[in-house]
Amino acid sequence: MEIHDIVAAWRNADRRASALATVVSVEGSTYRRPGARMLILPDGRRVGAISGGCLEADVAERARGVIATGEPICVLWDTRTESAEILLELGCRGAMDILIERADSPDVRSALDFLASFEADRGAGALATAFRVKGSPEVRVGERAALRSGFRPTGSRFGEAAAAELESALAAARPIVRTYDLPGGRVEAVIERADPPVSLLICGAGEDAVPLATLARGLGWETRVFDHRPALLTSDRFPSARALLSIDAAAIARTVALDRRTAAVIMTHNNERDLEWLRALGRSEIGYLGLLGPRSRAQRLLEALEEEGDEAPRMPFQSPAGLDIGSETPQEIALSILAEVQAVLAGRSGGFLRDRRAPIHSELPAAPGASEAAR
């Protein structure tokens, strides 16, 4: 998860000589959406990304001024016309508002601490960031308001104004941009949903589970591997796994959170074991459940559940697990499965982007305003 790497680098950095850049509003075709972040470190290294590599150097250059003054700025990069003074060889034609703040700011600390907290807390939250202020509304650029588990933010005029949108963001899949008319002036803010990282449960520690865990770690997902054979659950085989557990499938709900950001892949290659995992996970609230093997095998497992008098899985499960990309090797199969997990969790079909008639990114309900123009 990108935010994990950013927070880890931020905690170890000289924050007075570092800066955080955050995409706060976009319009048109852009590589990243609001909420994308990049940390600029004193030695010039950058953690995270706010574009496909087109804007990063220019943002880092502007960050030097923010580091020197300590004052945050919101900059508009607009490349929608050929007459734009800075095209930066962008293939996309869009506009991005980017908030740049010195990394020792209390506002940056509150934002990163809040976002990082969801690694341990599997709940959901929402974060509002003021990125443009006109007049004197007693709200500063970079001020945040946060909401977790239904508790309304208190203690600031900005938090009170953004409370309704923060609650709405808990049920939304995309960020929103809002303008608030407050006594003394106007505030523009982005409200984004905060989620825990995807939790991947690999039920079976055979050879094909190894590349699945490895590739999942590259995505920043938290991976746990389960198997009834302790000899297979070694850190040498699964160095990137958060946990290696030899437990009965029936104990899974008491061991890990089974929420909408959890995906499970059943791959023990043993009918009885697969049946136990299907029974344990099939009526949970997880966001994805996949089963390796042909359709006929899945049908036999369902029939076995019925014969035993067990209820059929409440949630639909993917079998055979994975997208149709011609996978043959364990690594290719792992890629196919993880791509399907991503598609299901994002509510997408997993088809070719060239065949998609809607925009690649969902349209946002608001557009960038007239901030300091990039030049």
Protein backbone atom coordinates (compact mmCIF):
# COMPACT_ATOMS: atom_id res chain seq x y z
CA MET A 1 0.00 0.00 0.00
CA GLU A 2 1.57 3.28 -1.12
CA ILE A 3 0.63 5.20 2.02
CA HIS A 4 2.53 2.65 4.12
CA ASP A 5 5.79 3.43 2.31
CA ILE A 6 5.15 7.17 2.54
CA VAL A 7 4.46 7.07 6.28
CA ALA A 8 7.48 4.85 6.95
CA ALA A 9 9.78 7.25 5.08
CA TRP A 10 8.17 10.30 6.73
CA ARG A 11 8.72 8.91 10.23
CA ASN A 12 12.44 8.48 9.56
CA ALA A 13 12.97 11.71 7.61
CA ASP A 14 14.27 15.13 8.54
CA ARG A 15 10.78 16.61 8.25
CA ARG A 16 11.88 20.24 8.28
CA ALA A 17 13.76 19.52 5.04
CA SER A 18 11.05 17.34 3.47
CA ALA A 19 7.68 18.04 1.84
CA LEU A 20 4.43 16.22 1.15
CA ALA A 21 2.56 16.72 -2.13
CA THR A 22 -1.09 15.65 -2.35
CA VAL A 23 -3.37 15.60 -5.38
CA VAL A 24 -6.51 17.38 -4.17
CA SER A 25 -8.57 17.98 -7.31
CA VAL A 26 -8.50 16.90 -10.96
CA GLU A 27 -10.33 17.52 -14.20
CA GLY A 28 -10.04 15.73 -17.52
CA SER A 29 -7.57 12.93 -18.18
CA THR A 30 -5.05 12.49 -15.37
CA TYR A 31 -2.86 9.60 -14.25
CA ARG A 32 -3.77 9.81 -10.53
CA ARG A 33 -6.87 10.79 -8.59
CA PRO A 34 -7.33 13.01 -5.51
CA GLY A 35 -5.65 11.45 -2.49
CA ALA A 36 -2.49 10.41 -4.37
CA ARG A 37 0.57 11.50 -2.40
CA MET A 38 4.30 11.89 -2.80
CA LEU A 39 6.93 12.57 -0.13
CA ILE A 40 9.97 14.59 -1.21
CA LEU A 41 13.00 13.81 0.98
CA PRO A 42 16.03 16.04 1.65
CA ASP A 43 18.33 14.02 -0.61
CA GLY A 44 15.91 14.35 -3.54
CA ARG A 45 14.40 10.89 -3.27
CA ARG A 46 10.66 10.66 -3.78
CA VAL A 47 8.30 8.14 -2.19
CA GLY A 48 4.92 7.66 -3.83
CA ALA A 49 3.71 9.13 -7.10
CA ILE A 50 1.29 11.84 -8.18
CA SER A 51 1.52 11.25 -11.93
CA GLY A 52 3.13 8.86 -14.36
CA GLY A 53 6.45 10.63 -13.85
CA CYS A 54 5.61 13.83 -15.73
CA LEU A 55 5.00 16.20 -12.81
CA GLU A 56 7.19 14.81 -10.07
CA ALA A 57 10.35 16.78 -10.85
CA ASP A 58 8.51 20.09 -11.15
CA VAL A 59 6.57 19.46 -7.93
CA ALA A 60 9.82 18.62 -6.15
CA GLU A 61 11.32 21.89 -7.37
CA ARG A 62 8.36 23.89 -6.04
CA ALA A 63 8.59 21.99 -2.78
CA ARG A 64 11.96 23.62 -2.15
CA GLY A 65 10.23 26.97 -1.69
CA VAL A 66 7.65 25.45 0.66
CA ILE A 67 10.44 23.87 2.73
CA ALA A 68 12.21 27.22 2.94
CA THR A 69 9.15 29.21 4.06
CA GLY A 70 7.09 26.56 5.82
CA GLU A 71 4.00 27.95 4.07
CA PRO A 72 1.83 25.44 2.14
CA ILE A 73 0.78 26.21 -1.43
CA CYS A 74 -1.78 24.76 -3.82
CA VAL A 75 -0.61 24.74 -7.43
CA LEU A 76 -2.65 24.07 -10.56
CA TRP A 77 -1.04 22.14 -13.42
CA ASP A 78 -3.24 22.48 -16.48
CA THR A 79 -2.18 20.84 -19.76
CA ARG A 80 -5.53 20.75 -21.55
CA THR A 81 -4.52 23.24 -24.23
CA GLU A 82 -1.59 23.30 -26.60
CA SER A 83 -0.88 26.88 -25.48
CA ALA A 84 -0.12 25.79 -21.93
CA GLU A 85 3.28 27.06 -20.95
CA ILE A 86 4.29 23.78 -19.29
CA LEU A 87 3.26 20.60 -21.08
CA LEU A 88 5.93 18.44 -19.47
CA GLU A 89 5.50 15.94 -22.33
CA LEU A 90 2.22 14.79 -20.79
CA GLY A 91 0.30 12.28 -22.85
CA CYS A 92 -2.82 13.10 -20.83
CA ARG A 93 -4.74 16.33 -21.16
CA GLY A 94 -6.07 17.32 -17.78
CA ALA A 95 -5.74 19.60 -14.80
CA MET A 96 -4.47 18.77 -11.32
CA ASP A 97 -4.47 20.83 -8.15
CA ILE A 98 -1.60 19.70 -5.93
CA LEU A 99 -1.18 20.78 -2.33
CA ILE A 100 2.46 21.02 -1.22
CA GLU A 101 3.26 21.21 2.52
CA ARG A 102 6.38 21.01 4.62
CA ALA A 103 6.53 17.59 6.24
CA ASP A 104 6.89 18.87 9.81
CA SER A 105 3.50 20.58 9.66
CA PRO A 106 1.01 19.49 12.35
CA ASP A 107 -1.55 19.16 9.56
CA VAL A 108 0.67 16.68 7.72
CA ARG A 109 1.27 14.75 10.92
CA SER A 110 -2.46 14.48 11.66
CA ALA A 111 -3.22 13.33 8.11
CA LEU A 112 -0.50 10.68 7.89
CA ASP A 113 -1.10 9.37 11.40
CA PHE A 114 -4.80 9.06 10.60
CA LEU A 115 -4.26 7.25 7.29
CA ALA A 116 -1.63 4.92 8.78
CA SER A 117 -3.90 3.96 11.67
CA PHE A 118 -6.06 1.84 9.37
CA GLU A 119 -3.29 -0.71 9.00
CA ALA A 120 -4.14 -1.88 12.51
CA ASP A 121 -7.79 -0.81 12.60
CA ARG A 122 -9.84 -2.53 9.88
CA GLY A 123 -12.57 0.12 10.08
CA ALA A 124 -13.23 2.83 7.53
CA GLY A 125 -12.80 6.56 7.80
CA ALA A 126 -12.84 9.79 5.85
CA LEU A 127 -10.43 12.72 5.65
CA ALA A 128 -11.18 16.29 4.55
CA THR A 129 -8.33 18.59 3.48
CA ALA A 130 -8.72 22.33 2.91
CA PHE A 131 -6.57 23.22 -0.09
CA ARG A 132 -7.73 26.71 -1.11
CA VAL A 133 -8.88 29.52 1.17
CA LYS A 134 -10.26 32.90 0.07
CA GLY A 135 -10.87 35.71 2.50
CA SER A 136 -10.44 35.12 6.23
CA PRO A 137 -12.69 32.21 7.22
CA GLU A 138 -10.49 31.13 10.15
CA VAL A 139 -9.45 28.04 8.18
CA ARG A 140 -5.88 27.53 6.99
CA VAL A 141 -4.64 25.82 3.83
CA GLY A 142 -3.81 22.24 4.76
CA GLU A 143 -6.22 22.06 7.69
CA ARG A 144 -7.74 18.59 8.11
CA ALA A 145 -10.89 17.12 9.58
CA ALA A 146 -11.24 13.37 10.08
CA LEU A 147 -14.05 10.95 10.73
CA ARG A 148 -13.83 7.37 11.93
CA SER A 149 -16.58 4.82 12.48
CA GLY A 150 -19.43 7.30 12.51
CA PHE A 151 -18.05 9.78 15.06
CA ARG A 152 -18.56 13.33 13.87
CA PRO A 153 -15.52 15.62 13.86
CA THR A 154 -15.55 18.36 16.43
CA GLY A 155 -13.39 21.21 17.57
CA SER A 156 -13.11 23.31 14.41
CA ARG A 157 -15.30 25.36 12.11
CA PHE A 158 -13.93 23.44 9.14
CA GLY A 159 -14.74 20.08 10.73
CA GLU A 160 -18.30 21.15 11.42
CA ALA A 161 -18.75 22.37 7.84
CA ALA A 162 -17.36 19.16 6.34
CA ALA A 163 -19.15 16.75 8.68
CA ALA A 164 -21.93 15.78 6.28
CA GLU A 165 -19.53 15.09 3.40
CA LEU A 166 -17.24 13.10 5.69
CA GLU A 167 -20.15 10.85 6.59
CA SER A 168 -21.12 10.52 2.92
CA ALA A 169 -17.55 9.62 2.00
CA LEU A 170 -17.75 6.52 4.20
CA ALA A 171 -20.16 5.02 1.67
CA ALA A 172 -18.48 6.46 -1.44
CA ALA A 173 -15.88 4.85 -3.64
CA ARG A 174 -14.36 8.08 -4.91
CA PRO A 175 -13.22 11.40 -3.44
CA ILE A 176 -15.35 14.50 -3.66
CA VAL A 177 -14.46 18.19 -3.80
CA ARG A 178 -16.62 20.75 -2.02
CA THR A 179 -16.70 24.51 -1.53
CA TYR A 180 -17.86 25.93 1.81
CA ASP A 181 -19.01 29.51 2.35
CA LEU A 182 -18.03 30.28 5.92
CA PRO A 183 -18.14 33.49 7.90
CA GLY A 184 -15.25 35.56 6.58
CA GLY A 185 -14.53 33.64 3.39
CA ARG A 186 -14.68 30.54 1.22
CA VAL A 187 -12.91 27.19 1.58
CA GLU A 188 -12.37 24.48 -1.04
CA ALA A 189 -11.68 21.00 0.29
CA VAL A 190 -11.24 17.44 -0.90
CA ILE A 191 -12.91 14.64 1.05
CA GLU A 192 -11.51 11.15 0.60
CA ARG A 193 -12.39 7.78 2.04
CA ALA A 194 -9.69 6.09 4.14
CA ASP A 195 -9.50 2.30 3.97
CA PRO A 196 -7.25 -0.37 5.41
CA PRO A 197 -4.98 -2.22 3.00
CA VAL A 198 -6.38 -5.25 1.23
CA SER A 199 -6.05 -8.32 3.42
CA LEU A 200 -5.32 -11.45 1.36
CA LEU A 201 -5.95 -14.83 2.97
CA ILE A 202 -4.18 -17.66 1.14
CA CYS A 203 -5.77 -20.92 2.24
CA GLY A 204 -3.15 -23.49 1.28
CA ALA A 205 0.64 -23.23 1.30
CA GLY A 206 1.55 -25.27 -1.77
CA GLU A 207 4.12 -24.21 -4.33
CA ASP A 208 1.60 -22.09 -6.25
CA ALA A 209 0.87 -20.07 -3.10
CA VAL A 210 4.43 -18.71 -3.00
CA PRO A 211 4.23 -16.40 -6.07
CA LEU A 212 0.72 -15.34 -5.03
CA ALA A 213 2.04 -14.08 -1.68
CA THR A 214 5.08 -12.47 -3.33
CA LEU A 215 3.09 -10.54 -5.94
CA ALA A 216 0.50 -9.48 -3.36
CA ARG A 217 3.21 -7.93 -1.22
CA GLY A 218 4.34 -5.87 -4.20
CA LEU A 219 0.82 -4.41 -4.27
CA GLY A 220 1.10 -3.45 -0.61
CA TRP A 221 -1.49 -6.01 0.46
CA GLU A 222 -1.34 -7.72 3.85
CA THR A 223 -0.94 -11.44 3.28
CA ARG A 224 -1.67 -14.30 5.66
CA VAL A 225 -1.04 -17.92 4.70
CA PHE A 226 -2.95 -20.80 6.27
CA ASP A 227 -2.20 -24.52 6.08
CA HIS A 228 -2.65 -27.63 8.21
CA ARG A 229 0.97 -28.58 7.47
CA PRO A 230 3.30 -26.47 9.66
CA ALA A 231 6.35 -27.63 7.68
CA LEU A 232 5.13 -25.58 4.71
CA LEU A 233 4.61 -22.43 6.76
CA THR A 234 8.15 -21.07 6.87
CA SER A 235 9.50 -17.58 6.48
CA ASP A 236 11.93 -18.87 3.87
CA ARG A 237 9.01 -19.78 1.61
CA PHE A 238 6.83 -16.78 2.52
CA PRO A 239 9.17 -13.94 3.57
CA SER A 240 6.60 -11.26 2.76
CA ALA A 241 3.65 -12.77 4.65
CA ARG A 242 2.37 -10.92 7.67
CA ALA A 243 1.39 -14.19 9.36
CA LEU A 244 1.78 -17.93 8.81
CA LEU A 245 -0.98 -19.81 10.61
CA SER A 246 -1.78 -23.47 11.12
CA ILE A 247 -5.39 -23.36 12.31
CA ASP A 248 -8.66 -25.06 11.55
CA ALA A 249 -10.75 -23.27 8.95
CA ALA A 250 -13.59 -22.96 11.47
CA ALA A 251 -11.37 -20.70 13.61
CA ILE A 252 -10.73 -18.15 10.86
CA ALA A 253 -13.37 -15.66 12.03
CA ARG A 254 -11.77 -15.58 15.49
CA THR A 255 -8.30 -15.07 14.03
CA VAL A 256 -8.59 -12.31 11.42
CA ALA A 257 -11.08 -9.64 10.39
CA LEU A 258 -13.41 -10.78 7.61
CA ASP A 259 -14.50 -7.48 6.06
CA ARG A 260 -15.12 -6.03 2.60
CA ARG A 261 -11.43 -5.27 2.14
CA THR A 262 -10.54 -8.92 2.69
CA ALA A 263 -9.96 -11.39 -0.16
CA ALA A 264 -9.49 -15.14 0.23
CA VAL A 265 -8.16 -17.72 -2.21
CA ILE A 266 -8.81 -21.39 -1.42
CA MET A 267 -5.99 -23.46 -2.89
CA THR A 268 -5.23 -26.46 -0.67
CA HIS A 269 -5.60 -28.91 -3.60
CA ASN A 270 -7.45 -31.21 -1.20
CA ASN A 271 -11.20 -31.67 -1.49
CA GLU A 272 -11.88 -32.02 2.24
CA ARG A 273 -9.71 -29.04 3.16
CA ASP A 274 -11.17 -26.88 0.42
CA LEU A 275 -14.64 -27.83 1.61
CA GLU A 276 -13.77 -26.72 5.15
CA TRP A 277 -12.52 -23.35 3.94
CA LEU A 278 -15.52 -22.89 1.65
CA ARG A 279 -17.82 -23.64 4.57
CA ALA A 280 -15.97 -21.20 6.84
CA LEU A 281 -15.67 -18.32 4.37
CA GLY A 282 -18.67 -18.71 2.11
CA ARG A 283 -21.07 -16.99 4.50
CA SER A 284 -18.71 -14.22 5.60
CA GLU A 285 -18.69 -10.56 4.55
CA ILE A 286 -15.39 -10.63 2.69
CA GLY A 287 -15.09 -8.81 -0.62
CA TYR A 288 -13.68 -11.67 -2.68
CA LEU A 289 -13.63 -15.46 -2.47
CA GLY A 290 -11.81 -17.51 -5.09
CA LEU A 291 -11.40 -21.26 -5.50
CA LEU A 292 -8.73 -22.89 -7.63
CA GLY A 293 -9.73 -25.71 -9.92
CA PRO A 294 -12.26 -26.36 -12.69
CA ARG A 295 -15.96 -25.56 -12.50
CA SER A 296 -16.84 -29.21 -12.15
CA ARG A 297 -14.81 -29.45 -8.95
CA ALA A 298 -16.52 -26.39 -7.48
CA GLN A 299 -19.89 -27.91 -8.32
CA ARG A 300 -18.93 -31.13 -6.54
CA LEU A 301 -17.98 -29.15 -3.45
CA LEU A 302 -21.31 -27.34 -3.47
CA GLU A 303 -23.13 -30.63 -3.82
CA ALA A 304 -21.15 -32.01 -0.88
CA LEU A 305 -22.23 -29.05 1.25
CA GLU A 306 -25.84 -29.66 0.28
CA GLU A 307 -25.63 -33.36 1.12
CA GLU A 308 -24.22 -32.51 4.54
CA GLY A 309 -27.11 -30.15 5.17
CA ASP A 310 -24.93 -27.04 5.18
CA GLU A 311 -26.12 -23.80 3.64
CA ALA A 312 -24.70 -22.85 0.30
CA PRO A 313 -22.17 -19.97 0.33
CA ARG A 314 -24.00 -16.69 0.75
CA MET A 315 -21.49 -14.74 -1.28
CA PRO A 316 -20.66 -15.58 -4.90
CA PHE A 317 -17.24 -17.11 -5.25
CA GLN A 318 -14.98 -17.11 -8.28
CA SER A 319 -14.22 -20.53 -9.68
CA PRO A 320 -11.99 -21.03 -11.50
CA ALA A 321 -10.29 -18.14 -9.72
CA GLY A 322 -8.56 -15.60 -11.95
CA LEU A 323 -8.96 -13.66 -15.17
CA ASP A 324 -8.65 -15.30 -18.58
CA ILE A 325 -5.16 -14.17 -19.59
CA GLY A 326 -3.79 -17.49 -20.77
CA SER A 327 -2.01 -18.30 -17.51
CA GLU A 328 0.10 -21.44 -17.37
CA THR A 329 2.93 -21.06 -14.83
CA PRO A 330 2.34 -20.49 -11.09
CA GLN A 331 3.52 -16.90 -11.52
CA GLU A 332 1.09 -16.28 -14.37
CA ILE A 333 -1.75 -17.87 -12.41
CA ALA A 334 -0.93 -15.64 -9.42
CA LEU A 335 -1.06 -12.58 -11.68
CA SER A 336 -4.42 -13.71 -13.04
CA ILE A 337 -5.88 -14.20 -9.56
CA LEU A 338 -4.64 -10.90 -8.13
CA ALA A 339 -5.95 -9.03 -11.17
CA GLU A 340 -9.37 -10.57 -10.59
CA VAL A 341 -9.27 -9.68 -6.89
CA GLN A 342 -8.49 -6.06 -7.78
CA ALA A 343 -11.31 -5.98 -10.33
CA VAL A 344 -13.91 -7.45 -7.97
CA LEU A 345 -12.96 -5.17 -5.06
CA ALA A 346 -13.10 -2.15 -7.41
CA GLY A 347 -16.43 -3.20 -8.90
CA ARG A 348 -14.98 -3.63 -12.39
CA SER A 349 -15.42 -6.40 -14.96
CA GLY A 350 -11.72 -6.97 -15.65
CA GLY A 351 -12.05 -6.57 -19.42
CA PHE A 352 -9.81 -4.73 -21.88
CA LEU A 353 -9.54 -1.00 -21.17
CA ARG A 354 -9.74 -0.36 -24.90
CA ASP A 355 -13.30 -1.74 -24.81
CA ARG A 356 -14.40 0.44 -21.89
CA ARG A 357 -16.79 3.17 -23.01
CA ALA A 358 -16.80 5.03 -19.70
CA PRO A 359 -13.75 6.97 -18.46
CA ILE A 360 -10.97 4.84 -16.96
CA HIS A 361 -11.37 6.77 -13.70
CA SER A 362 -14.83 7.60 -12.40
CA GLU A 363 -15.77 11.22 -12.96
CA LEU A 364 -15.38 13.43 -9.92
CA PRO A 365 -18.18 15.76 -8.88
CA ALA A 366 -16.04 18.90 -8.84
CA ALA A 367 -13.16 20.42 -10.77
CA PRO A 368 -10.01 22.38 -9.92
CA GLY A 369 -10.43 26.06 -9.29
CA ALA A 370 -8.19 28.92 -10.29
CA SER A 371 -5.15 28.47 -8.12
CA GLU A 372 -1.58 29.55 -8.75
CA ALA A 373 -0.94 28.57 -12.39
CA ALA A 374 2.01 26.33 -13.14
CA ARG A 375 4.55 27.92 -15.41
